[in-house]
Amino acid sequence: GVDAQSVRIVATERLLVIAGDRKRPKVAGRVYQQMEIETGPFQRQVRL
């Protein structure tokens, strides 16, 4: 559910940082009964 264009990757010799944003699609008239799919900006750091 993440658009590849929103993904940013930065690397050094011992660290990898992956960041981006997973957005919830906006649909007019949608009323949620249940919301479990997590959305929003993210960042993960991986020590190599």
ModelCIF file with pLDDT and N, C-alpha, C, O atoms, coordinates in Angstrom:
data_MODEL
#
_entry.id   MODEL 
#
_entity.id                         1 
_entity.type                       polymer 
_entity.pdbx_number_of_molecules   1 
#
_entity_poly.entity_id                      1 
_entity_poly.type                           'polypeptide(L)' 
_entity_poly.nstd_linkage                   no 
_entity_poly.nstd_monomer                   no 
_entity_poly.pdbx_seq_one_letter_code       GVDAQSVRIVATERLLVIAGDRKRPKVAGRVYQQMEIETGPFQRQVRL 
_entity_poly.pdbx_seq_one_letter_code_can   GVDAQSVRIVATERLLVIAGDRKRPKVAGRVYQQMEIETGPFQRQVRL 
_entity_poly.pdbx_strand_id                 A 
#
loop_
_entity_poly_seq.entity_id 
_entity_poly_seq.num 
_entity_poly_seq.mon_id 
_entity_poly_seq.hetero 
1 1  GLY n 
1 2  VAL n 
1 3  ASP n 
1 4  ALA n 
1 5  GLN n 
1 6  SER n 
1 7  VAL n 
1 8  ARG n 
1 9  ILE n 
1 10 VAL n 
1 11 ALA n 
1 12 THR n 
1 13 GLU n 
1 14 ARG n 
1 15 LEU n 
1 16 LEU n 
1 17 VAL n 
1 18 ILE n 
1 19 ALA n 
1 20 GLY n 
1 21 ASP n 
1 22 ARG n 
1 23 LYS n 
1 24 ARG n 
1 25 PRO n 
1 26 LYS n 
1 27 VAL n 
1 28 ALA n 
1 29 GLY n 
1 30 ARG n 
1 31 VAL n 
1 32 TYR n 
1 33 GLN n 
1 34 GLN n 
1 35 MET n 
1 36 GLU n 
1 37 ILE n 
1 38 GLU n 
1 39 THR n 
1 40 GLY n 
1 41 PRO n 
1 42 PHE n 
1 43 GLN n 
1 44 ARG n 
1 45 GLN n 
1 46 VAL n 
1 47 ARG n 
1 48 LEU n 
#
_struct_asym.id          A 
_struct_asym.entity_id   1 
#
loop_
_ma_qa_metric.id 
_ma_qa_metric.mode 
_ma_qa_metric.name 
_ma_qa_metric.software_group_id 
_ma_qa_metric.type 
1 global pLDDT . pLDDT 
2 local  pLDDT . pLDDT 
#
_ma_qa_metric_global.metric_id      1 
_ma_qa_metric_global.metric_value   91.19 
_ma_qa_metric_global.model_id       1 
_ma_qa_metric_global.ordinal_id     1 
#
loop_
_ma_qa_metric_local.label_asym_id 
_ma_qa_metric_local.label_comp_id 
_ma_qa_metric_local.label_seq_id 
_ma_qa_metric_local.metric_id 
_ma_qa_metric_local.metric_value 
_ma_qa_metric_local.model_id 
_ma_qa_metric_local.ordinal_id 
A GLY 1  2 93.00 1 1  
A VAL 2  2 95.00 1 2  
A ASP 3  2 94.00 1 3  
A ALA 4  2 94.00 1 4  
A GLN 5  2 94.00 1 5  
A SER 6  2 93.00 1 6  
A VAL 7  2 96.00 1 7  
A ARG 8  2 96.00 1 8  
A ILE 9  2 96.00 1 9  
A VAL 10 2 94.00 1 10 
A ALA 11 2 92.00 1 11 
A THR 12 2 88.00 1 12 
A GLU 13 2 86.00 1 13 
A ARG 14 2 90.00 1 14 
A LEU 15 2 92.00 1 15 
A LEU 16 2 95.00 1 16 
A VAL 17 2 95.00 1 17 
A ILE 18 2 96.00 1 18 
A ALA 19 2 95.00 1 19 
A GLY 20 2 95.00 1 20 
A ASP 21 2 94.00 1 21 
A ARG 22 2 94.00 1 22 
A LYS 23 2 92.00 1 23 
A ARG 24 2 89.00 1 24 
A PRO 25 2 85.00 1 25 
A LYS 26 2 85.00 1 26 
A VAL 27 2 85.00 1 27 
A ALA 28 2 89.00 1 28 
A GLY 29 2 89.00 1 29 
A ARG 30 2 86.00 1 30 
A VAL 31 2 87.00 1 31 
A TYR 32 2 85.00 1 32 
A GLN 33 2 86.00 1 33 
A GLN 34 2 86.00 1 34 
A MET 35 2 83.00 1 35 
A GLU 36 2 84.00 1 36 
A ILE 37 2 88.00 1 37 
A GLU 38 2 90.00 1 38 
A THR 39 2 91.00 1 39 
A GLY 40 2 91.00 1 40 
A PRO 41 2 93.00 1 41 
A PHE 42 2 93.00 1 42 
A GLN 43 2 94.00 1 43 
A ARG 44 2 94.00 1 44 
A GLN 45 2 94.00 1 45 
A VAL 46 2 95.00 1 46 
A ARG 47 2 93.00 1 47 
A LEU 48 2 93.00 1 48 
#
loop_
_atom_site.group_PDB 
_atom_site.id 
_atom_site.type_symbol 
_atom_site.label_atom_id 
_atom_site.label_alt_id 
_atom_site.label_comp_id 
_atom_site.label_asym_id 
_atom_site.label_entity_id 
_atom_site.label_seq_id 
_atom_site.pdbx_PDB_ins_code 
_atom_site.Cartn_x 
_atom_site.Cartn_y 
_atom_site.Cartn_z 
_atom_site.occupancy 
_atom_site.B_iso_or_equiv 
_atom_site.pdbx_formal_charge 
_atom_site.auth_seq_id 
_atom_site.auth_comp_id 
_atom_site.auth_asym_id 
_atom_site.auth_atom_id 
_atom_site.pdbx_PDB_model_num 
ATOM 1   N N  . GLY A 1 1  ? 0.788   -1.232 0.000  1.00 93.00 ? 1  GLY A N  1 
ATOM 2   C CA . GLY A 1 1  ? 0.000   0.000  0.000  1.00 93.00 ? 1  GLY A CA 1 
ATOM 3   C C  . GLY A 1 1  ? 0.813   1.272  0.000  1.00 93.00 ? 1  GLY A C  1 
ATOM 4   O O  . GLY A 1 1  ? 0.256   2.362  0.132  1.00 93.00 ? 1  GLY A O  1 
ATOM 5   N N  . VAL A 1 2  ? 2.129   1.155  -0.147 1.00 95.00 ? 2  VAL A N  1 
ATOM 6   C CA . VAL A 1 2  ? 2.995   2.334  -0.169 1.00 95.00 ? 2  VAL A CA 1 
ATOM 7   C C  . VAL A 1 2  ? 3.339   2.656  -1.622 1.00 95.00 ? 2  VAL A C  1 
ATOM 8   O O  . VAL A 1 2  ? 3.713   1.769  -2.389 1.00 95.00 ? 2  VAL A O  1 
ATOM 9   N N  . ASP A 1 3  ? 3.212   3.920  -1.991 1.00 94.00 ? 3  ASP A N  1 
ATOM 10  C CA . ASP A 1 3  ? 3.603   4.372  -3.319 1.00 94.00 ? 3  ASP A CA 1 
ATOM 11  C C  . ASP A 1 3  ? 5.130   4.401  -3.382 1.00 94.00 ? 3  ASP A C  1 
ATOM 12  O O  . ASP A 1 3  ? 5.776   5.017  -2.534 1.00 94.00 ? 3  ASP A O  1 
ATOM 13  N N  . ALA A 1 4  ? 5.697   3.746  -4.369 1.00 94.00 ? 4  ALA A N  1 
ATOM 14  C CA . ALA A 1 4  ? 7.161   3.686  -4.504 1.00 94.00 ? 4  ALA A CA 1 
ATOM 15  C C  . ALA A 1 4  ? 7.786   5.074  -4.566 1.00 94.00 ? 4  ALA A C  1 
ATOM 16  O O  . ALA A 1 4  ? 8.932   5.255  -4.154 1.00 94.00 ? 4  ALA A O  1 
ATOM 17  N N  . GLN A 1 5  ? 7.035   6.070  -5.083 1.00 94.00 ? 5  GLN A N  1 
ATOM 18  C CA . GLN A 1 5  ? 7.566   7.426  -5.189 1.00 94.00 ? 5  GLN A CA 1 
ATOM 19  C C  . GLN A 1 5  ? 7.752   8.086  -3.831 1.00 94.00 ? 5  GLN A C  1 
ATOM 20  O O  . GLN A 1 5  ? 8.505   9.053  -3.711 1.00 94.00 ? 5  GLN A O  1 
ATOM 21  N N  . SER A 1 6  ? 7.070   7.572  -2.800 1.00 93.00 ? 6  SER A N  1 
ATOM 22  C CA . SER A 1 6  ? 7.197   8.174  -1.461 1.00 93.00 ? 6  SER A CA 1 
ATOM 23  C C  . SER A 1 6  ? 8.359   7.600  -0.665 1.00 93.00 ? 6  SER A C  1 
ATOM 24  O O  . SER A 1 6  ? 8.686   8.110  0.407  1.00 93.00 ? 6  SER A O  1 
ATOM 25  N N  . VAL A 1 7  ? 8.988   6.545  -1.175 1.00 96.00 ? 7  VAL A N  1 
ATOM 26  C CA . VAL A 1 7  ? 10.052  5.864  -0.434 1.00 96.00 ? 7  VAL A CA 1 
ATOM 27  C C  . VAL A 1 7  ? 11.388  6.564  -0.639 1.00 96.00 ? 7  VAL A C  1 
ATOM 28  O O  . VAL A 1 7  ? 11.779  6.865  -1.767 1.00 96.00 ? 7  VAL A O  1 
ATOM 29  N N  . ARG A 1 8  ? 12.085  6.819  0.467  1.00 96.00 ? 8  ARG A N  1 
ATOM 30  C CA . ARG A 1 8  ? 13.422  7.414  0.439  1.00 96.00 ? 8  ARG A CA 1 
ATOM 31  C C  . ARG A 1 8  ? 14.378  6.462  1.142  1.00 96.00 ? 8  ARG A C  1 
ATOM 32  O O  . ARG A 1 8  ? 14.071  5.937  2.213  1.00 96.00 ? 8  ARG A O  1 
ATOM 33  N N  . ILE A 1 9  ? 15.531  6.245  0.536  1.00 96.00 ? 9  ILE A N  1 
ATOM 34  C CA . ILE A 1 9  ? 16.533  5.344  1.107  1.00 96.00 ? 9  ILE A CA 1 
ATOM 35  C C  . ILE A 1 9  ? 17.852  6.081  1.162  1.00 96.00 ? 9  ILE A C  1 
ATOM 36  O O  . ILE A 1 9  ? 18.304  6.637  0.161  1.00 96.00 ? 9  ILE A O  1 
ATOM 37  N N  . VAL A 1 10 ? 18.471  6.087  2.334  1.00 94.00 ? 10 VAL A N  1 
ATOM 38  C CA . VAL A 1 10 ? 19.786  6.694  2.512  1.00 94.00 ? 10 VAL A CA 1 
ATOM 39  C C  . VAL A 1 10 ? 20.670  5.656  3.190  1.00 94.00 ? 10 VAL A C  1 
ATOM 40  O O  . VAL A 1 10 ? 20.250  4.989  4.136  1.00 94.00 ? 10 VAL A O  1 
ATOM 41  N N  . ALA A 1 11 ? 21.898  5.528  2.697  1.00 92.00 ? 11 ALA A N  1 
ATOM 42  C CA . ALA A 1 11 ? 22.813  4.535  3.260  1.00 92.00 ? 11 ALA A CA 1 
ATOM 43  C C  . ALA A 1 11 ? 24.168  5.140  3.537  1.00 92.00 ? 11 ALA A C  1 
ATOM 44  O O  . ALA A 1 11 ? 24.653  5.991  2.791  1.00 92.00 ? 11 ALA A O  1 
ATOM 45  N N  . THR A 1 12 ? 24.772  4.688  4.617  1.00 88.00 ? 12 THR A N  1 
ATOM 46  C CA . THR A 1 12 ? 26.182  4.940  4.894  1.00 88.00 ? 12 THR A CA 1 
ATOM 47  C C  . THR A 1 12 ? 26.840  3.571  4.927  1.00 88.00 ? 12 THR A C  1 
ATOM 48  O O  . THR A 1 12 ? 26.195  2.564  4.637  1.00 88.00 ? 12 THR A O  1 
ATOM 49  N N  . GLU A 1 13 ? 28.105  3.528  5.274  1.00 86.00 ? 13 GLU A N  1 
ATOM 50  C CA . GLU A 1 13 ? 28.795  2.238  5.260  1.00 86.00 ? 13 GLU A CA 1 
ATOM 51  C C  . GLU A 1 13 ? 28.246  1.244  6.285  1.00 86.00 ? 13 GLU A C  1 
ATOM 52  O O  . GLU A 1 13 ? 28.437  0.040  6.112  1.00 86.00 ? 13 GLU A O  1 
ATOM 53  N N  . ARG A 1 14 ? 27.574  1.699  7.344  1.00 90.00 ? 14 ARG A N  1 
ATOM 54  C CA . ARG A 1 14 ? 27.069  0.798  8.383  1.00 90.00 ? 14 ARG A CA 1 
ATOM 55  C C  . ARG A 1 14 ? 25.618  1.027  8.774  1.00 90.00 ? 14 ARG A C  1 
ATOM 56  O O  . ARG A 1 14 ? 25.139  0.411  9.726  1.00 90.00 ? 14 ARG A O  1 
ATOM 57  N N  . LEU A 1 15 ? 24.897  1.905  8.059  1.00 92.00 ? 15 LEU A N  1 
ATOM 58  C CA . LEU A 1 15 ? 23.527  2.216  8.430  1.00 92.00 ? 15 LEU A CA 1 
ATOM 59  C C  . LEU A 1 15 ? 22.674  2.420  7.177  1.00 92.00 ? 15 LEU A C  1 
ATOM 60  O O  . LEU A 1 15 ? 23.095  3.060  6.213  1.00 92.00 ? 15 LEU A O  1 
ATOM 61  N N  . LEU A 1 16 ? 21.472  1.859  7.219  1.00 95.00 ? 16 LEU A N  1 
ATOM 62  C CA . LEU A 1 16 ? 20.511  2.025  6.139  1.00 95.00 ? 16 LEU A CA 1 
ATOM 63  C C  . LEU A 1 16 ? 19.250  2.630  6.744  1.00 95.00 ? 16 LEU A C  1 
ATOM 64  O O  . LEU A 1 16 ? 18.748  2.140  7.756  1.00 95.00 ? 16 LEU A O  1 
ATOM 65  N N  . VAL A 1 17 ? 18.739  3.693  6.128  1.00 95.00 ? 17 VAL A N  1 
ATOM 66  C CA . VAL A 1 17 ? 17.515  4.340  6.596  1.00 95.00 ? 17 VAL A CA 1 
ATOM 67  C C  . VAL A 1 17 ? 16.497  4.293  5.459  1.00 95.00 ? 17 VAL A C  1 
ATOM 68  O O  . VAL A 1 17 ? 16.764  4.742  4.345  1.00 95.00 ? 17 VAL A O  1 
ATOM 69  N N  . ILE A 1 18 ? 15.322  3.738  5.769  1.00 96.00 ? 18 ILE A N  1 
ATOM 70  C CA . ILE A 1 18 ? 14.234  3.649  4.813  1.00 96.00 ? 18 ILE A CA 1 
ATOM 71  C C  . ILE A 1 18 ? 13.079  4.464  5.379  1.00 96.00 ? 18 ILE A C  1 
ATOM 72  O O  . ILE A 1 18 ? 12.661  4.240  6.515  1.00 96.00 ? 18 ILE A O  1 
ATOM 73  N N  . ALA A 1 19 ? 12.560  5.407  4.597  1.00 95.00 ? 19 ALA A N  1 
ATOM 74  C CA . ALA A 1 19 ? 11.475  6.263  5.074  1.00 95.00 ? 19 ALA A CA 1 
ATOM 75  C C  . ALA A 1 19 ? 10.452  6.434  3.959  1.00 95.00 ? 19 ALA A C  1 
ATOM 76  O O  . ALA A 1 19 ? 10.758  6.255  2.780  1.00 95.00 ? 19 ALA A O  1 
ATOM 77  N N  . GLY A 1 20 ? 9.240   6.781  4.351  1.00 95.00 ? 20 GLY A N  1 
ATOM 78  C CA . GLY A 1 20 ? 8.187   7.018  3.377  1.00 95.00 ? 20 GLY A CA 1 
ATOM 79  C C  . GLY A 1 20 ? 6.879   7.294  4.075  1.00 95.00 ? 20 GLY A C  1 
ATOM 80  O O  . GLY A 1 20 ? 6.849   7.693  5.239  1.00 95.00 ? 20 GLY A O  1 
ATOM 81  N N  . ASP A 1 21 ? 5.795   7.075  3.349  1.00 94.00 ? 21 ASP A N  1 
ATOM 82  C CA . ASP A 1 21 ? 4.477   7.359  3.890  1.00 94.00 ? 21 ASP A CA 1 
ATOM 83  C C  . ASP A 1 21 ? 3.465   6.402  3.263  1.00 94.00 ? 21 ASP A C  1 
ATOM 84  O O  . ASP A 1 21 ? 3.424   6.237  2.044  1.00 94.00 ? 21 ASP A O  1 
ATOM 85  N N  . ARG A 1 22 ? 2.653   5.776  4.108  1.00 94.00 ? 22 ARG A N  1 
ATOM 86  C CA . ARG A 1 22 ? 1.543   4.957  3.607  1.00 94.00 ? 22 ARG A CA 1 
ATOM 87  C C  . ARG A 1 22 ? 0.272   5.727  3.924  1.00 94.00 ? 22 ARG A C  1 
ATOM 88  O O  . ARG A 1 22 ? -0.058  5.961  5.087  1.00 94.00 ? 22 ARG A O  1 
ATOM 89  N N  . LYS A 1 23 ? -0.438  6.117  2.865  1.00 92.00 ? 23 LYS A N  1 
ATOM 90  C CA . LYS A 1 23 ? -1.635  6.944  3.027  1.00 92.00 ? 23 LYS A CA 1 
ATOM 91  C C  . LYS A 1 23 ? -2.892  6.090  2.914  1.00 92.00 ? 23 LYS A C  1 
ATOM 92  O O  . LYS A 1 23 ? -2.938  5.099  2.184  1.00 92.00 ? 23 LYS A O  1 
ATOM 93  N N  . ARG A 1 24 ? -3.896  6.504  3.653  1.00 89.00 ? 24 ARG A N  1 
ATOM 94  C CA . ARG A 1 24 ? -5.210  5.874  3.551  1.00 89.00 ? 24 ARG A CA 1 
ATOM 95  C C  . ARG A 1 24 ? -5.934  6.547  2.389  1.00 89.00 ? 24 ARG A C  1 
ATOM 96  O O  . ARG A 1 24 ? -6.037  7.773  2.352  1.00 89.00 ? 24 ARG A O  1 
ATOM 97  N N  . PRO A 1 25 ? -6.438  5.754  1.439  1.00 85.00 ? 25 PRO A N  1 
ATOM 98  C CA . PRO A 1 25 ? -7.163  6.367  0.319  1.00 85.00 ? 25 PRO A CA 1 
ATOM 99  C C  . PRO A 1 25 ? -8.382  7.129  0.828  1.00 85.00 ? 25 PRO A C  1 
ATOM 100 O O  . PRO A 1 25 ? -9.104  6.663  1.709  1.00 85.00 ? 25 PRO A O  1 
ATOM 101 N N  . LYS A 1 26 ? -8.594  8.306  0.255  1.00 85.00 ? 26 LYS A N  1 
ATOM 102 C CA . LYS A 1 26 ? -9.751  9.121  0.640  1.00 85.00 ? 26 LYS A CA 1 
ATOM 103 C C  . LYS A 1 26 ? -10.868 8.865  -0.355 1.00 85.00 ? 26 LYS A C  1 
ATOM 104 O O  . LYS A 1 26 ? -10.710 9.056  -1.560 1.00 85.00 ? 26 LYS A O  1 
ATOM 105 N N  . VAL A 1 27 ? -11.994 8.431  0.176  1.00 85.00 ? 27 VAL A N  1 
ATOM 106 C CA . VAL A 1 27 ? -13.157 8.171  -0.657 1.00 85.00 ? 27 VAL A CA 1 
ATOM 107 C C  . VAL A 1 27 ? -14.329 8.898  -0.024 1.00 85.00 ? 27 VAL A C  1 
ATOM 108 O O  . VAL A 1 27 ? -14.626 8.708  1.155  1.00 85.00 ? 27 VAL A O  1 
ATOM 109 N N  . ALA A 1 28 ? -14.999 9.737  -0.816 1.00 89.00 ? 28 ALA A N  1 
ATOM 110 C CA . ALA A 1 28 ? -16.142 10.502 -0.308 1.00 89.00 ? 28 ALA A CA 1 
ATOM 111 C C  . ALA A 1 28 ? -17.238 9.559  0.160  1.00 89.00 ? 28 ALA A C  1 
ATOM 112 O O  . ALA A 1 28 ? -17.534 8.562  -0.499 1.00 89.00 ? 28 ALA A O  1 
ATOM 113 N N  . GLY A 1 29 ? -17.836 9.876  1.293  1.00 89.00 ? 29 GLY A N  1 
ATOM 114 C CA . GLY A 1 29 ? -18.950 9.113  1.810  1.00 89.00 ? 29 GLY A CA 1 
ATOM 115 C C  . GLY A 1 29 ? -18.573 7.861  2.579  1.00 89.00 ? 29 GLY A C  1 
ATOM 116 O O  . GLY A 1 29 ? -19.447 7.128  3.041  1.00 89.00 ? 29 GLY A O  1 
ATOM 117 N N  . ARG A 1 30 ? -17.285 7.611  2.721  1.00 86.00 ? 30 ARG A N  1 
ATOM 118 C CA . ARG A 1 30 ? -16.832 6.406  3.428  1.00 86.00 ? 30 ARG A CA 1 
ATOM 119 C C  . ARG A 1 30 ? -16.983 6.613  4.931  1.00 86.00 ? 30 ARG A C  1 
ATOM 120 O O  . ARG A 1 30 ? -16.487 7.597  5.479  1.00 86.00 ? 30 ARG A O  1 
ATOM 121 N N  . VAL A 1 31 ? -17.666 5.688  5.594  1.00 87.00 ? 31 VAL A N  1 
ATOM 122 C CA . VAL A 1 31 ? -17.810 5.712  7.043  1.00 87.00 ? 31 VAL A CA 1 
ATOM 123 C C  . VAL A 1 31 ? -17.266 4.384  7.559  1.00 87.00 ? 31 VAL A C  1 
ATOM 124 O O  . VAL A 1 31 ? -17.805 3.319  7.257  1.00 87.00 ? 31 VAL A O  1 
ATOM 125 N N  . TYR A 1 32 ? -16.202 4.460  8.333  1.00 85.00 ? 32 TYR A N  1 
ATOM 126 C CA . TYR A 1 32 ? -15.552 3.236  8.789  1.00 85.00 ? 32 TYR A CA 1 
ATOM 127 C C  . TYR A 1 32 ? -16.302 2.583  9.939  1.00 85.00 ? 32 TYR A C  1 
ATOM 128 O O  . TYR A 1 32 ? -16.777 3.255  10.855 1.00 85.00 ? 32 TYR A O  1 
ATOM 129 N N  . GLN A 1 33 ? -16.399 1.281  9.873  1.00 86.00 ? 33 GLN A N  1 
ATOM 130 C CA . GLN A 1 33 ? -16.898 0.468  10.972 1.00 86.00 ? 33 GLN A CA 1 
ATOM 131 C C  . GLN A 1 33 ? -15.714 -0.030 11.789 1.00 86.00 ? 33 GLN A C  1 
ATOM 132 O O  . GLN A 1 33 ? -15.810 -0.178 13.007 1.00 86.00 ? 33 GLN A O  1 
ATOM 133 N N  . GLN A 1 34 ? -14.607 -0.285 11.119 1.00 86.00 ? 34 GLN A N  1 
ATOM 134 C CA . GLN A 1 34 ? -13.418 -0.824 11.760 1.00 86.00 ? 34 GLN A CA 1 
ATOM 135 C C  . GLN A 1 34 ? -12.203 -0.301 11.014 1.00 86.00 ? 34 GLN A C  1 
ATOM 136 O O  . GLN A 1 34 ? -12.217 -0.214 9.786  1.00 86.00 ? 34 GLN A O  1 
ATOM 137 N N  . MET A 1 35 ? -11.132 0.053  11.761 1.00 83.00 ? 35 MET A N  1 
ATOM 138 C CA . MET A 1 35 ? -9.898  0.542  11.145 1.00 83.00 ? 35 MET A CA 1 
ATOM 139 C C  . MET A 1 35 ? -8.717  -0.155 11.805 1.00 83.00 ? 35 MET A C  1 
ATOM 140 O O  . MET A 1 35 ? -8.383  0.133  12.954 1.00 83.00 ? 35 MET A O  1 
ATOM 141 N N  . GLU A 1 36 ? -8.085  -1.075 11.075 1.00 84.00 ? 36 GLU A N  1 
ATOM 142 C CA . GLU A 1 36 ? -6.928  -1.787 11.602 1.00 84.00 ? 36 GLU A CA 1 
ATOM 143 C C  . GLU A 1 36 ? -5.685  -1.576 10.752 1.00 84.00 ? 36 GLU A C  1 
ATOM 144 O O  . GLU A 1 36 ? -4.572  -1.824 11.217 1.00 84.00 ? 36 GLU A O  1 
ATOM 145 N N  . ILE A 1 37 ? -5.854  -1.128 9.533  1.00 88.00 ? 37 ILE A N  1 
ATOM 146 C CA . ILE A 1 37 ? -4.713  -0.947 8.640  1.00 88.00 ? 37 ILE A CA 1 
ATOM 147 C C  . ILE A 1 37 ? -3.976  0.315  9.058  1.00 88.00 ? 37 ILE A C  1 
ATOM 148 O O  . ILE A 1 37 ? -4.533  1.413  9.041  1.00 88.00 ? 37 ILE A O  1 
ATOM 149 N N  . GLU A 1 38 ? -2.725  0.142  9.431  1.00 90.00 ? 38 GLU A N  1 
ATOM 150 C CA . GLU A 1 38 ? -1.931  1.271  9.908  1.00 90.00 ? 38 GLU A CA 1 
ATOM 151 C C  . GLU A 1 38 ? -1.419  2.092  8.738  1.00 90.00 ? 38 GLU A C  1 
ATOM 152 O O  . GLU A 1 38 ? -0.976  1.553  7.723  1.00 90.00 ? 38 GLU A O  1 
ATOM 153 N N  . THR A 1 39 ? -1.489  3.404  8.900  1.00 91.00 ? 39 THR A N  1 
ATOM 154 C CA . THR A 1 39 ? -1.028  4.321  7.868  1.00 91.00 ? 39 THR A CA 1 
ATOM 155 C C  . THR A 1 39 ? -0.176  5.402  8.519  1.00 91.00 ? 39 THR A C  1 
ATOM 156 O O  . THR A 1 39 ? -0.060  5.476  9.743  1.00 91.00 ? 39 THR A O  1 
ATOM 157 N N  . GLY A 1 40 ? 0.404   6.221  7.689  1.00 91.00 ? 40 GLY A N  1 
ATOM 158 C CA . GLY A 1 40 ? 1.179   7.346  8.181  1.00 91.00 ? 40 GLY A CA 1 
ATOM 159 C C  . GLY A 1 40 ? 2.631   7.256  7.768  1.00 91.00 ? 40 GLY A C  1 
ATOM 160 O O  . GLY A 1 40 ? 3.045   6.300  7.112  1.00 91.00 ? 40 GLY A O  1 
ATOM 161 N N  . PRO A 1 41 ? 3.401   8.259  8.157  1.00 93.00 ? 41 PRO A N  1 
ATOM 162 C CA . PRO A 1 41 ? 4.828   8.261  7.823  1.00 93.00 ? 41 PRO A CA 1 
ATOM 163 C C  . PRO A 1 41 ? 5.545   7.171  8.608  1.00 93.00 ? 41 PRO A C  1 
ATOM 164 O O  . PRO A 1 41 ? 5.144   6.818  9.717  1.00 93.00 ? 41 PRO A O  1 
ATOM 165 N N  . PHE A 1 42 ? 6.600   6.651  8.020  1.00 93.00 ? 42 PHE A N  1 
ATOM 166 C CA . PHE A 1 42 ? 7.403   5.634  8.688  1.00 93.00 ? 42 PHE A CA 1 
ATOM 167 C C  . PHE A 1 42 ? 8.871   5.881  8.424  1.00 93.00 ? 42 PHE A C  1 
ATOM 168 O O  . PHE A 1 42 ? 9.247   6.538  7.453  1.00 93.00 ? 42 PHE A O  1 
ATOM 169 N N  . GLN A 1 43 ? 9.693   5.342  9.306  1.00 94.00 ? 43 GLN A N  1 
ATOM 170 C CA . GLN A 1 43 ? 11.145  5.355  9.128  1.00 94.00 ? 43 GLN A CA 1 
ATOM 171 C C  . GLN A 1 43 ? 11.709  4.145  9.850  1.00 94.00 ? 43 GLN A C  1 
ATOM 172 O O  . GLN A 1 43 ? 11.408  3.916  11.021 1.00 94.00 ? 43 GLN A O  1 
ATOM 173 N N  . ARG A 1 44 ? 12.519  3.380  9.157  1.00 94.00 ? 44 ARG A N  1 
ATOM 174 C CA . ARG A 1 44 ? 13.212  2.252  9.764  1.00 94.00 ? 44 ARG A CA 1 
ATOM 175 C C  . ARG A 1 44 ? 14.710  2.441  9.565  1.00 94.00 ? 44 ARG A C  1 
ATOM 176 O O  . ARG A 1 44 ? 15.165  2.821  8.486  1.00 94.00 ? 44 ARG A O  1 
ATOM 177 N N  . GLN A 1 45 ? 15.463  2.170  10.614 1.00 94.00 ? 45 GLN A N  1 
ATOM 178 C CA . GLN A 1 45 ? 16.919  2.201  10.535 1.00 94.00 ? 45 GLN A CA 1 
ATOM 179 C C  . GLN A 1 45 ? 17.418  0.784  10.709 1.00 94.00 ? 45 GLN A C  1 
ATOM 180 O O  . GLN A 1 45 ? 16.986  0.068  11.612 1.00 94.00 ? 45 GLN A O  1 
ATOM 181 N N  . VAL A 1 46 ? 18.329  0.382  9.841  1.00 95.00 ? 46 VAL A N  1 
ATOM 182 C CA . VAL A 1 46 ? 18.918  -0.946 9.921  1.00 95.00 ? 46 VAL A CA 1 
ATOM 183 C C  . VAL A 1 46 ? 20.420  -0.770 10.071 1.00 95.00 ? 46 VAL A C  1 
ATOM 184 O O  . VAL A 1 46 ? 21.092  -0.264 9.172  1.00 95.00 ? 46 VAL A O  1 
ATOM 185 N N  . ARG A 1 47 ? 20.937  -1.191 11.213 1.00 93.00 ? 47 ARG A N  1 
ATOM 186 C CA . ARG A 1 47 ? 22.391  -1.185 11.410 1.00 93.00 ? 47 ARG A CA 1 
ATOM 187 C C  . ARG A 1 47 ? 22.956  -2.400 10.694 1.00 93.00 ? 47 ARG A C  1 
ATOM 188 O O  . ARG A 1 47 ? 22.489  -3.523 10.887 1.00 93.00 ? 47 ARG A O  1 
ATOM 189 N N  . LEU A 1 48 ? 23.956  -2.167 9.874  1.00 93.00 ? 48 LEU A N  1 
ATOM 190 C CA . LEU A 1 48 ? 24.505  -3.222 9.031  1.00 93.00 ? 48 LEU A CA 1 
ATOM 191 C C  . LEU A 1 48 ? 25.694  -3.898 9.698  1.00 93.00 ? 48 LEU A C  1 
ATOM 192 O O  . LEU A 1 48 ? 26.283  -4.815 9.126  1.00 93.00 ? 48 LEU A O  1 
#
